[in-house]
Amino acid sequence: MEIADLEVAASERLVDHGSGAVHSWDLVTAADGPGTRMTLFLSGCGMRCQYCQNPDTWRMRDGVRHTVDEVMERVMRYRTVMDVTGGGLTISGGEPLLQARFVVNIFSRCHEAGIHTALDTNGMLGSRLGDDDLDTVDLYLLDIKSGLPDTYRRVTGRELAPTLTFARRLSDRGKRMWIRFVLVPGLTDAVENVEAVADIVAGLDGVERVEVLPFHQLGREKWAATGEPYLLADTPVPDADLIARVQGQFAARGLVVR
């Protein structure tokens, strides 16, 4: 069994939904959702994306266990600035749905307190959320990493279908979505791959914008600790012409692009 599969299997054995494996916290503005937000990064991921900028979040055992009460105590410290700026709490990772019950318990408490919630997810484990669970999330930051199944498998080591199933489920329930697509020269930038992503997104209701995120090398040094080869060491950042072309492919479908 591959390491990523072991992470998924281990997460299914978690019984203490009142606590979870936390990697780190951050307080940011104009990222990961509207307003000033606390972003909670959970440990553990079932994908191995070639361009991952935080491979240090892959293993749940590397996280620090925190309870829901501890998370909420920290969130409430910033309640005033969240209210003033229209911000809230974003849970990211890693892949937060490895710890789906922990996420839902936190978001339920946030809703009780009137705090906006956002979930940054690749959608692979969307089936772990029931319909009522979906409603604890105000905004989904959904990563669609490629539109062609073979390219998706090459990028992530996983299948595209579960993410598409989750996206359609969110669409059917009228959930708000920001779609994220990482643009990597030589990996995700093929015209037909971008067209396939645009086809998917254009067919979804509730998409407020598409974020084209240019590849960068900021996570390069973290890869040495993973014991896995970093395949993009010689990959350049996308130039302005490539970014404009890809943004234009999404805009041509009537999508708002950032």
C-alpha atoms as a PDB file:
ATOM      1  CA  MET A   1       0.000   0.000   0.000  1.00  0.00           C
ATOM      2  CA  GLU A   2       1.350   3.450  -0.920  1.00  0.00           C
ATOM      3  CA  ILE A   3       1.987   6.081   1.760  1.00  0.00           C
ATOM      4  CA  ALA A   4      -0.916   8.211   0.558  1.00  0.00           C
ATOM      5  CA  ASP A   5      -3.242   5.206   0.845  1.00  0.00           C
ATOM      6  CA  LEU A   6      -1.998   4.587   4.384  1.00  0.00           C
ATOM      7  CA  GLU A   7      -2.929   8.158   5.312  1.00  0.00           C
ATOM      8  CA  VAL A   8      -6.481   7.636   4.074  1.00  0.00           C
ATOM      9  CA  ALA A   9      -6.776   4.298   5.876  1.00  0.00           C
ATOM     10  CA  ALA A  10      -5.416   5.751   9.116  1.00  0.00           C
ATOM     11  CA  SER A  11      -7.870   8.633   8.989  1.00  0.00           C
ATOM     12  CA  GLU A  12     -10.767   6.196   8.747  1.00  0.00           C
ATOM     13  CA  ARG A  13      -9.716   4.672  12.062  1.00  0.00           C
ATOM     14  CA  LEU A  14      -9.902   7.968  13.962  1.00  0.00           C
ATOM     15  CA  VAL A  15     -12.596   7.729  16.623  1.00  0.00           C
ATOM     16  CA  ASP A  16     -11.962  10.901  18.597  1.00  0.00           C
ATOM     17  CA  HIS A  17     -13.810  13.452  16.496  1.00  0.00           C
ATOM     18  CA  GLY A  18     -13.381  16.010  19.253  1.00  0.00           C
ATOM     19  CA  SER A  19      -9.734  16.435  18.313  1.00  0.00           C
ATOM     20  CA  GLY A  20      -7.582  16.346  15.215  1.00  0.00           C
ATOM     21  CA  ALA A  21      -4.050  16.549  13.839  1.00  0.00           C
ATOM     22  CA  VAL A  22      -3.159  20.206  13.206  1.00  0.00           C
ATOM     23  CA  HIS A  23      -0.152  21.311  11.196  1.00  0.00           C
ATOM     24  CA  SER A  24      -0.258  25.100  11.668  1.00  0.00           C
ATOM     25  CA  TRP A  25      -2.329  28.291  11.804  1.00  0.00           C
ATOM     26  CA  ASP A  26      -2.159  31.545   9.882  1.00  0.00           C
ATOM     27  CA  LEU A  27      -4.001  34.866   9.867  1.00  0.00           C
ATOM     28  CA  VAL A  28      -4.239  36.308   6.365  1.00  0.00           C
ATOM     29  CA  THR A  29      -6.112  38.897   4.333  1.00  0.00           C
ATOM     30  CA  ALA A  30      -7.347  38.509   0.747  1.00  0.00           C
ATOM     31  CA  ALA A  31      -6.486  34.806   0.567  1.00  0.00           C
ATOM     32  CA  ASP A  32      -8.375  31.584   1.237  1.00  0.00           C
ATOM     33  CA  GLY A  33     -11.725  33.350   1.167  1.00  0.00           C
ATOM     34  CA  PRO A  34     -13.185  36.810   1.772  1.00  0.00           C
ATOM     35  CA  GLY A  35     -11.978  39.236   4.426  1.00  0.00           C
ATOM     36  CA  THR A  36      -9.373  38.624   7.099  1.00  0.00           C
ATOM     37  CA  ARG A  37      -9.313  34.924   7.844  1.00  0.00           C
ATOM     38  CA  MET A  38      -7.742  32.475  10.174  1.00  0.00           C
ATOM     39  CA  THR A  39      -6.567  29.522   8.110  1.00  0.00           C
ATOM     40  CA  LEU A  40      -6.221  26.254   9.986  1.00  0.00           C
ATOM     41  CA  PHE A  41      -3.940  23.772   8.212  1.00  0.00           C
ATOM     42  CA  LEU A  42      -4.625  20.136   9.081  1.00  0.00           C
ATOM     43  CA  SER A  43      -2.104  17.330   8.689  1.00  0.00           C
ATOM     44  CA  GLY A  44      -2.548  14.432   6.318  1.00  0.00           C
ATOM     45  CA  CYS A  45      -3.218  14.129   2.595  1.00  0.00           C
ATOM     46  CA  GLY A  46      -4.230  11.275   0.323  1.00  0.00           C
ATOM     47  CA  MET A  47      -2.710  12.871  -2.786  1.00  0.00           C
ATOM     48  CA  ARG A  48       0.905  13.364  -3.783  1.00  0.00           C
ATOM     49  CA  CYS A  49       0.720  16.327  -6.143  1.00  0.00           C
ATOM     50  CA  GLN A  50       3.938  16.974  -8.023  1.00  0.00           C
ATOM     51  CA  TYR A  51       3.670  20.708  -7.384  1.00  0.00           C
ATOM     52  CA  CYS A  52       2.662  20.550  -3.705  1.00  0.00           C
ATOM     53  CA  GLN A  53       4.037  23.567  -1.843  1.00  0.00           C
ATOM     54  CA  ASN A  54       3.422  22.040   1.598  1.00  0.00           C
ATOM     55  CA  PRO A  55       4.600  18.398   1.486  1.00  0.00           C
ATOM     56  CA  ASP A  56       5.292  18.766   5.205  1.00  0.00           C
ATOM     57  CA  THR A  57       1.518  18.477   5.725  1.00  0.00           C
ATOM     58  CA  TRP A  58       1.226  15.029   4.101  1.00  0.00           C
ATOM     59  CA  ARG A  59       1.488  12.823   7.197  1.00  0.00           C
ATOM     60  CA  MET A  60      -1.081  12.971   9.972  1.00  0.00           C
ATOM     61  CA  ARG A  61       1.405  11.686  12.520  1.00  0.00           C
ATOM     62  CA  ASP A  62       3.456  14.860  12.058  1.00  0.00           C
ATOM     63  CA  GLY A  63       0.574  17.019  13.281  1.00  0.00           C
ATOM     64  CA  VAL A  64      -0.110  18.281  16.803  1.00  0.00           C
ATOM     65  CA  ARG A  65      -3.393  17.127  18.302  1.00  0.00           C
ATOM     66  CA  HIS A  66      -5.831  19.893  19.229  1.00  0.00           C
ATOM     67  CA  THR A  67      -9.392  19.696  20.449  1.00  0.00           C
ATOM     68  CA  VAL A  68     -12.348  21.504  18.910  1.00  0.00           C
ATOM     69  CA  ASP A  69     -12.479  23.675  22.037  1.00  0.00           C
ATOM     70  CA  GLU A  70      -8.827  24.663  21.583  1.00  0.00           C
ATOM     71  CA  VAL A  71      -9.415  25.558  17.948  1.00  0.00           C
ATOM     72  CA  MET A  72     -12.469  27.647  18.793  1.00  0.00           C
ATOM     73  CA  GLU A  73     -10.651  29.456  21.590  1.00  0.00           C
ATOM     74  CA  ARG A  74      -8.076  30.643  19.073  1.00  0.00           C
ATOM     75  CA  VAL A  75     -10.685  31.506  16.448  1.00  0.00           C
ATOM     76  CA  MET A  76     -12.615  33.634  18.916  1.00  0.00           C
ATOM     77  CA  ARG A  77      -9.541  35.754  19.627  1.00  0.00           C
ATOM     78  CA  TYR A  78      -9.966  37.206  16.143  1.00  0.00           C
ATOM     79  CA  ARG A  79     -13.745  37.428  16.113  1.00  0.00           C
ATOM     80  CA  THR A  80     -13.772  41.231  16.020  1.00  0.00           C
ATOM     81  CA  VAL A  81     -11.449  41.582  13.023  1.00  0.00           C
ATOM     82  CA  MET A  82     -13.369  38.844  11.217  1.00  0.00           C
ATOM     83  CA  ASP A  83     -16.646  40.658  11.773  1.00  0.00           C
ATOM     84  CA  VAL A  84     -15.244  44.025  10.641  1.00  0.00           C
ATOM     85  CA  THR A  85     -13.660  42.654   7.445  1.00  0.00           C
ATOM     86  CA  GLY A  86     -16.262  40.047   6.526  1.00  0.00           C
ATOM     87  CA  GLY A  87     -13.758  37.276   7.178  1.00  0.00           C
ATOM     88  CA  GLY A  88     -13.938  33.983   9.011  1.00  0.00           C
ATOM     89  CA  LEU A  89     -12.286  30.583   9.364  1.00  0.00           C
ATOM     90  CA  THR A  90     -10.823  28.556   6.496  1.00  0.00           C
ATOM     91  CA  ILE A  91      -9.738  24.961   7.033  1.00  0.00           C
ATOM     92  CA  SER A  92      -7.055  23.736   4.648  1.00  0.00           C
ATOM     93  CA  GLY A  93      -4.261  21.190   4.672  1.00  0.00           C
ATOM     94  CA  GLY A  94      -3.035  18.741   3.602  1.00  0.00           C
ATOM     95  CA  GLU A  95      -6.510  17.538   2.801  1.00  0.00           C
ATOM     96  CA  PRO A  96      -8.939  18.442   5.597  1.00  0.00           C
ATOM     97  CA  LEU A  97     -11.519  15.814   4.669  1.00  0.00           C
ATOM     98  CA  LEU A  98      -9.153  13.136   5.925  1.00  0.00           C
ATOM     99  CA  GLN A  99     -10.481  14.448   9.248  1.00  0.00           C
ATOM    100  CA  ALA A 100     -14.002  15.191   8.090  1.00  0.00           C
ATOM    101  CA  ARG A 101     -15.777  14.837  11.443  1.00  0.00           C
ATOM    102  CA  PHE A 102     -13.270  17.144  13.134  1.00  0.00           C
ATOM    103  CA  VAL A 103     -13.848  19.708  10.385  1.00  0.00           C
ATOM    104  CA  VAL A 104     -17.638  19.481  10.641  1.00  0.00           C
ATOM    105  CA  ASN A 105     -17.542  19.814  14.426  1.00  0.00           C
ATOM    106  CA  ILE A 106     -15.456  22.978  14.170  1.00  0.00           C
ATOM    107  CA  PHE A 107     -17.623  24.479  11.438  1.00  0.00           C
ATOM    108  CA  SER A 108     -20.801  23.696  13.360  1.00  0.00           C
ATOM    109  CA  ARG A 109     -19.415  25.641  16.309  1.00  0.00           C
ATOM    110  CA  CYS A 110     -18.462  28.490  13.986  1.00  0.00           C
ATOM    111  CA  HIS A 111     -22.012  28.655  12.639  1.00  0.00           C
ATOM    112  CA  GLU A 112     -23.373  28.786  16.176  1.00  0.00           C
ATOM    113  CA  ALA A 113     -21.102  31.793  16.727  1.00  0.00           C
ATOM    114  CA  GLY A 114     -22.029  33.440  13.402  1.00  0.00           C
ATOM    115  CA  ILE A 115     -18.540  32.993  11.902  1.00  0.00           C
ATOM    116  CA  HIS A 116     -18.141  32.485   8.134  1.00  0.00           C
ATOM    117  CA  THR A 117     -16.586  29.149   7.116  1.00  0.00           C
ATOM    118  CA  ALA A 118     -14.596  28.062   4.078  1.00  0.00           C
ATOM    119  CA  LEU A 119     -13.168  24.663   3.165  1.00  0.00           C
ATOM    120  CA  ASP A 120     -10.109  24.274   0.932  1.00  0.00           C
ATOM    121  CA  THR A 121     -10.348  20.760  -0.495  1.00  0.00           C
ATOM    122  CA  ASN A 122      -9.399  18.596  -3.453  1.00  0.00           C
ATOM    123  CA  GLY A 123     -12.798  16.897  -3.206  1.00  0.00           C
ATOM    124  CA  MET A 124     -11.414  13.345  -3.332  1.00  0.00           C
ATOM    125  CA  LEU A 125     -13.042  12.450  -0.005  1.00  0.00           C
ATOM    126  CA  GLY A 126     -16.223  14.470  -0.469  1.00  0.00           C
ATOM    127  CA  SER A 127     -18.312  11.355   0.144  1.00  0.00           C
ATOM    128  CA  ARG A 128     -17.341  11.610   3.808  1.00  0.00           C
ATOM    129  CA  LEU A 129     -19.652  14.617   4.138  1.00  0.00           C
ATOM    130  CA  GLY A 130     -23.372  14.054   4.501  1.00  0.00           C
ATOM    131  CA  ASP A 131     -25.852  16.552   3.098  1.00  0.00           C
ATOM    132  CA  ASP A 132     -26.243  18.281   6.458  1.00  0.00           C
ATOM    133  CA  ASP A 133     -22.460  18.454   6.772  1.00  0.00           C
ATOM    134  CA  LEU A 134     -22.237  20.297   3.454  1.00  0.00           C
ATOM    135  CA  ASP A 135     -24.340  23.071   4.924  1.00  0.00           C
ATOM    136  CA  THR A 136     -21.792  23.818   7.660  1.00  0.00           C
ATOM    137  CA  VAL A 137     -19.541  25.216   4.910  1.00  0.00           C
ATOM    138  CA  ASP A 138     -20.328  28.677   3.525  1.00  0.00           C
ATOM    139  CA  LEU A 139     -17.715  28.630   0.753  1.00  0.00           C
ATOM    140  CA  TYR A 140     -15.867  25.792  -0.955  1.00  0.00           C
ATOM    141  CA  LEU A 141     -12.390  26.425  -2.336  1.00  0.00           C
ATOM    142  CA  LEU A 142     -12.349  23.442  -4.681  1.00  0.00           C
ATOM    143  CA  ASP A 143      -9.100  22.418  -6.330  1.00  0.00           C
ATOM    144  CA  ILE A 144      -9.608  20.930  -9.780  1.00  0.00           C
ATOM    145  CA  LYS A 145      -6.064  20.008 -10.560  1.00  0.00           C
ATOM    146  CA  SER A 146      -6.572  18.884 -14.161  1.00  0.00           C
ATOM    147  CA  GLY A 147      -9.418  18.152 -16.531  1.00  0.00           C
ATOM    148  CA  LEU A 148      -8.062  15.112 -18.372  1.00  0.00           C
ATOM    149  CA  PRO A 149      -8.094  11.903 -16.303  1.00  0.00           C
ATOM    150  CA  ASP A 150      -4.607  10.810 -17.408  1.00  0.00           C
ATOM    151  CA  THR A 151      -3.123  14.209 -16.592  1.00  0.00           C
ATOM    152  CA  TYR A 152      -4.938  14.289 -13.260  1.00  0.00           C
ATOM    153  CA  ARG A 153      -3.473  10.882 -12.385  1.00  0.00           C
ATOM    154  CA  ARG A 154      -0.017  12.049 -13.392  1.00  0.00           C
ATOM    155  CA  VAL A 155      -0.287  15.213 -11.301  1.00  0.00           C
ATOM    156  CA  THR A 156      -1.850  13.728  -8.153  1.00  0.00           C
ATOM    157  CA  GLY A 157      -1.454   9.956  -8.212  1.00  0.00           C
ATOM    158  CA  ARG A 158      -5.247   9.734  -7.918  1.00  0.00           C
ATOM    159  CA  GLU A 159      -8.364   9.526 -10.075  1.00  0.00           C
ATOM    160  CA  LEU A 160     -10.348  12.562 -11.246  1.00  0.00           C
ATOM    161  CA  ALA A 161     -13.812  11.011 -10.873  1.00  0.00           C
ATOM    162  CA  PRO A 162     -14.320  11.499  -7.086  1.00  0.00           C
ATOM    163  CA  THR A 163     -13.570  15.218  -7.376  1.00  0.00           C
ATOM    164  CA  LEU A 164     -16.032  15.584 -10.249  1.00  0.00           C
ATOM    165  CA  THR A 165     -18.702  13.721  -8.289  1.00  0.00           C
ATOM    166  CA  PHE A 166     -18.202  16.051  -5.339  1.00  0.00           C
ATOM    167  CA  ALA A 167     -18.251  19.162  -7.557  1.00  0.00           C
ATOM    168  CA  ARG A 168     -21.550  18.138  -9.118  1.00  0.00           C
ATOM    169  CA  ARG A 169     -22.994  17.409  -5.702  1.00  0.00           C
ATOM    170  CA  LEU A 170     -22.067  20.897  -4.505  1.00  0.00           C
ATOM    171  CA  SER A 171     -23.540  22.343  -7.686  1.00  0.00           C
ATOM    172  CA  ASP A 172     -26.804  20.449  -7.219  1.00  0.00           C
ATOM    173  CA  ARG A 173     -27.112  21.835  -3.685  1.00  0.00           C
ATOM    174  CA  GLY A 174     -26.389  25.385  -4.801  1.00  0.00           C
ATOM    175  CA  LYS A 175     -23.219  25.697  -2.750  1.00  0.00           C
ATOM    176  CA  ARG A 176     -20.858  28.628  -3.311  1.00  0.00           C
ATOM    177  CA  MET A 177     -17.550  27.689  -4.918  1.00  0.00           C
ATOM    178  CA  TRP A 178     -14.250  29.252  -5.854  1.00  0.00           C
ATOM    179  CA  ILE A 179     -12.412  26.924  -8.234  1.00  0.00           C
ATOM    180  CA  ARG A 180      -8.633  26.730  -8.032  1.00  0.00           C
ATOM    181  CA  PHE A 181      -6.378  25.550 -10.839  1.00  0.00           C
ATOM    182  CA  VAL A 182      -2.588  25.436 -10.508  1.00  0.00           C
ATOM    183  CA  LEU A 183      -0.849  26.287 -13.766  1.00  0.00           C
ATOM    184  CA  VAL A 184       2.385  24.313 -14.204  1.00  0.00           C
ATOM    185  CA  PRO A 185       4.349  24.611 -17.448  1.00  0.00           C
ATOM    186  CA  GLY A 186       4.771  21.225 -19.059  1.00  0.00           C
ATOM    187  CA  LEU A 187       2.374  19.521 -16.640  1.00  0.00           C
ATOM    188  CA  THR A 188      -1.081  21.152 -16.485  1.00  0.00           C
ATOM    189  CA  ASP A 189      -0.787  23.851 -19.152  1.00  0.00           C
ATOM    190  CA  ALA A 190      -1.795  21.903 -22.285  1.00  0.00           C
ATOM    191  CA  VAL A 191      -4.591  23.649 -24.155  1.00  0.00           C
ATOM    192  CA  GLU A 192      -6.759  20.531 -24.123  1.00  0.00           C
ATOM    193  CA  ASN A 193      -6.247  19.997 -20.385  1.00  0.00           C
ATOM    194  CA  VAL A 194      -7.266  23.571 -19.565  1.00  0.00           C
ATOM    195  CA  GLU A 195     -10.231  23.271 -21.940  1.00  0.00           C
ATOM    196  CA  ALA A 196     -11.332  20.151 -20.084  1.00  0.00           C
ATOM    197  CA  VAL A 197     -11.185  21.976 -16.734  1.00  0.00           C
ATOM    198  CA  ALA A 198     -13.105  24.896 -18.230  1.00  0.00           C
ATOM    199  CA  ASP A 199     -15.748  22.483 -19.542  1.00  0.00           C
ATOM    200  CA  ILE A 200     -16.179  21.032 -16.068  1.00  0.00           C
ATOM    201  CA  VAL A 201     -16.392  24.382 -14.320  1.00  0.00           C
ATOM    202  CA  ALA A 202     -18.737  25.955 -16.863  1.00  0.00           C
ATOM    203  CA  GLY A 203     -21.177  23.127 -16.190  1.00  0.00           C
ATOM    204  CA  LEU A 204     -21.374  23.834 -12.452  1.00  0.00           C
ATOM    205  CA  ASP A 205     -23.815  26.131 -10.664  1.00  0.00           C
ATOM    206  CA  GLY A 206     -22.554  28.204  -7.762  1.00  0.00           C
ATOM    207  CA  VAL A 207     -19.075  28.970  -9.122  1.00  0.00           C
ATOM    208  CA  GLU A 208     -18.268  32.574  -8.227  1.00  0.00           C
ATOM    209  CA  ARG A 209     -14.778  32.681  -9.682  1.00  0.00           C
ATOM    210  CA  VAL A 210     -11.851  30.691 -11.008  1.00  0.00           C
ATOM    211  CA  GLU A 211      -8.415  31.296  -9.532  1.00  0.00           C
ATOM    212  CA  VAL A 212      -5.530  30.482 -11.886  1.00  0.00           C
ATOM    213  CA  LEU A 213      -2.598  29.960  -9.521  1.00  0.00           C
ATOM    214  CA  PRO A 214       0.840  30.161 -11.174  1.00  0.00           C
ATOM    215  CA  PHE A 215       3.299  27.443 -10.160  1.00  0.00           C
ATOM    216  CA  HIS A 216       6.222  28.562  -8.011  1.00  0.00           C
ATOM    217  CA  GLN A 217       9.220  26.978  -6.306  1.00  0.00           C
ATOM    218  CA  LEU A 218       8.574  28.229  -2.756  1.00  0.00           C
ATOM    219  CA  GLY A 219       7.993  24.708  -1.424  1.00  0.00           C
ATOM    220  CA  ARG A 220      11.077  23.214  -3.039  1.00  0.00           C
ATOM    221  CA  GLU A 221      13.182  22.983   0.118  1.00  0.00           C
ATOM    222  CA  LYS A 222      10.436  21.105   1.992  1.00  0.00           C
ATOM    223  CA  TRP A 223      10.571  18.219  -0.470  1.00  0.00           C
ATOM    224  CA  ALA A 224      13.938  16.995   0.794  1.00  0.00           C
ATOM    225  CA  ALA A 225      12.308  15.878   4.052  1.00  0.00           C
ATOM    226  CA  THR A 226       9.632  13.784   2.297  1.00  0.00           C
ATOM    227  CA  GLY A 227      12.010  11.166   0.942  1.00  0.00           C
ATOM    228  CA  GLU A 228      10.196  11.412  -2.392  1.00  0.00           C
ATOM    229  CA  PRO A 229      11.728  12.784  -5.615  1.00  0.00           C
ATOM    230  CA  TYR A 230      10.849  16.340  -6.537  1.00  0.00           C
ATOM    231  CA  LEU A 231      10.104  16.090 -10.233  1.00  0.00           C
ATOM    232  CA  LEU A 232       9.642  19.801 -10.913  1.00  0.00           C
ATOM    233  CA  ALA A 233      13.048  21.082  -9.816  1.00  0.00           C
ATOM    234  CA  ASP A 234      13.775  22.394 -13.313  1.00  0.00           C
ATOM    235  CA  THR A 235      10.255  23.603 -14.106  1.00  0.00           C
ATOM    236  CA  PRO A 236      10.027  27.370 -14.711  1.00  0.00           C
ATOM    237  CA  VAL A 237       7.271  29.588 -13.383  1.00  0.00           C
ATOM    238  CA  PRO A 238       4.655  30.365 -16.046  1.00  0.00           C
ATOM    239  CA  ASP A 239       5.275  33.555 -17.985  1.00  0.00           C
ATOM    240  CA  ALA A 240       2.732  36.331 -18.484  1.00  0.00           C
ATOM    241  CA  ASP A 241       1.700  35.108 -21.930  1.00  0.00           C
ATOM    242  CA  LEU A 242       0.902  31.612 -20.674  1.00  0.00           C
ATOM    243  CA  ILE A 243      -1.051  32.942 -17.695  1.00  0.00           C
ATOM    244  CA  ALA A 244      -3.054  35.237 -19.979  1.00  0.00           C
ATOM    245  CA  ARG A 245      -3.802  32.382 -22.389  1.00  0.00           C
ATOM    246  CA  VAL A 246      -5.098  30.111 -19.628  1.00  0.00           C
ATOM    247  CA  GLN A 247      -7.111  32.870 -17.981  1.00  0.00           C
ATOM    248  CA  GLY A 248      -8.585  33.618 -21.385  1.00  0.00           C
ATOM    249  CA  GLN A 249      -9.692  30.011 -21.829  1.00  0.00           C
ATOM    250  CA  PHE A 250     -11.757  30.248 -18.643  1.00  0.00           C
ATOM    251  CA  ALA A 251     -13.028  33.755 -19.383  1.00  0.00           C
ATOM    252  CA  ALA A 252     -14.232  32.585 -22.801  1.00  0.00           C
ATOM    253  CA  ARG A 253     -16.774  30.415 -20.950  1.00  0.00           C
ATOM    254  CA  GLY A 254     -18.178  33.439 -19.155  1.00  0.00           C
ATOM    255  CA  LEU A 255     -16.342  32.612 -15.927  1.00  0.00           C
ATOM    256  CA  VAL A 256     -14.962  35.268 -13.588  1.00  0.00           C
ATOM    257  CA  VAL A 257     -11.176  34.751 -13.452  1.00  0.00           C
ATOM    258  CA  ARG A 258      -8.748  35.973 -10.817  1.00  0.00           C
END
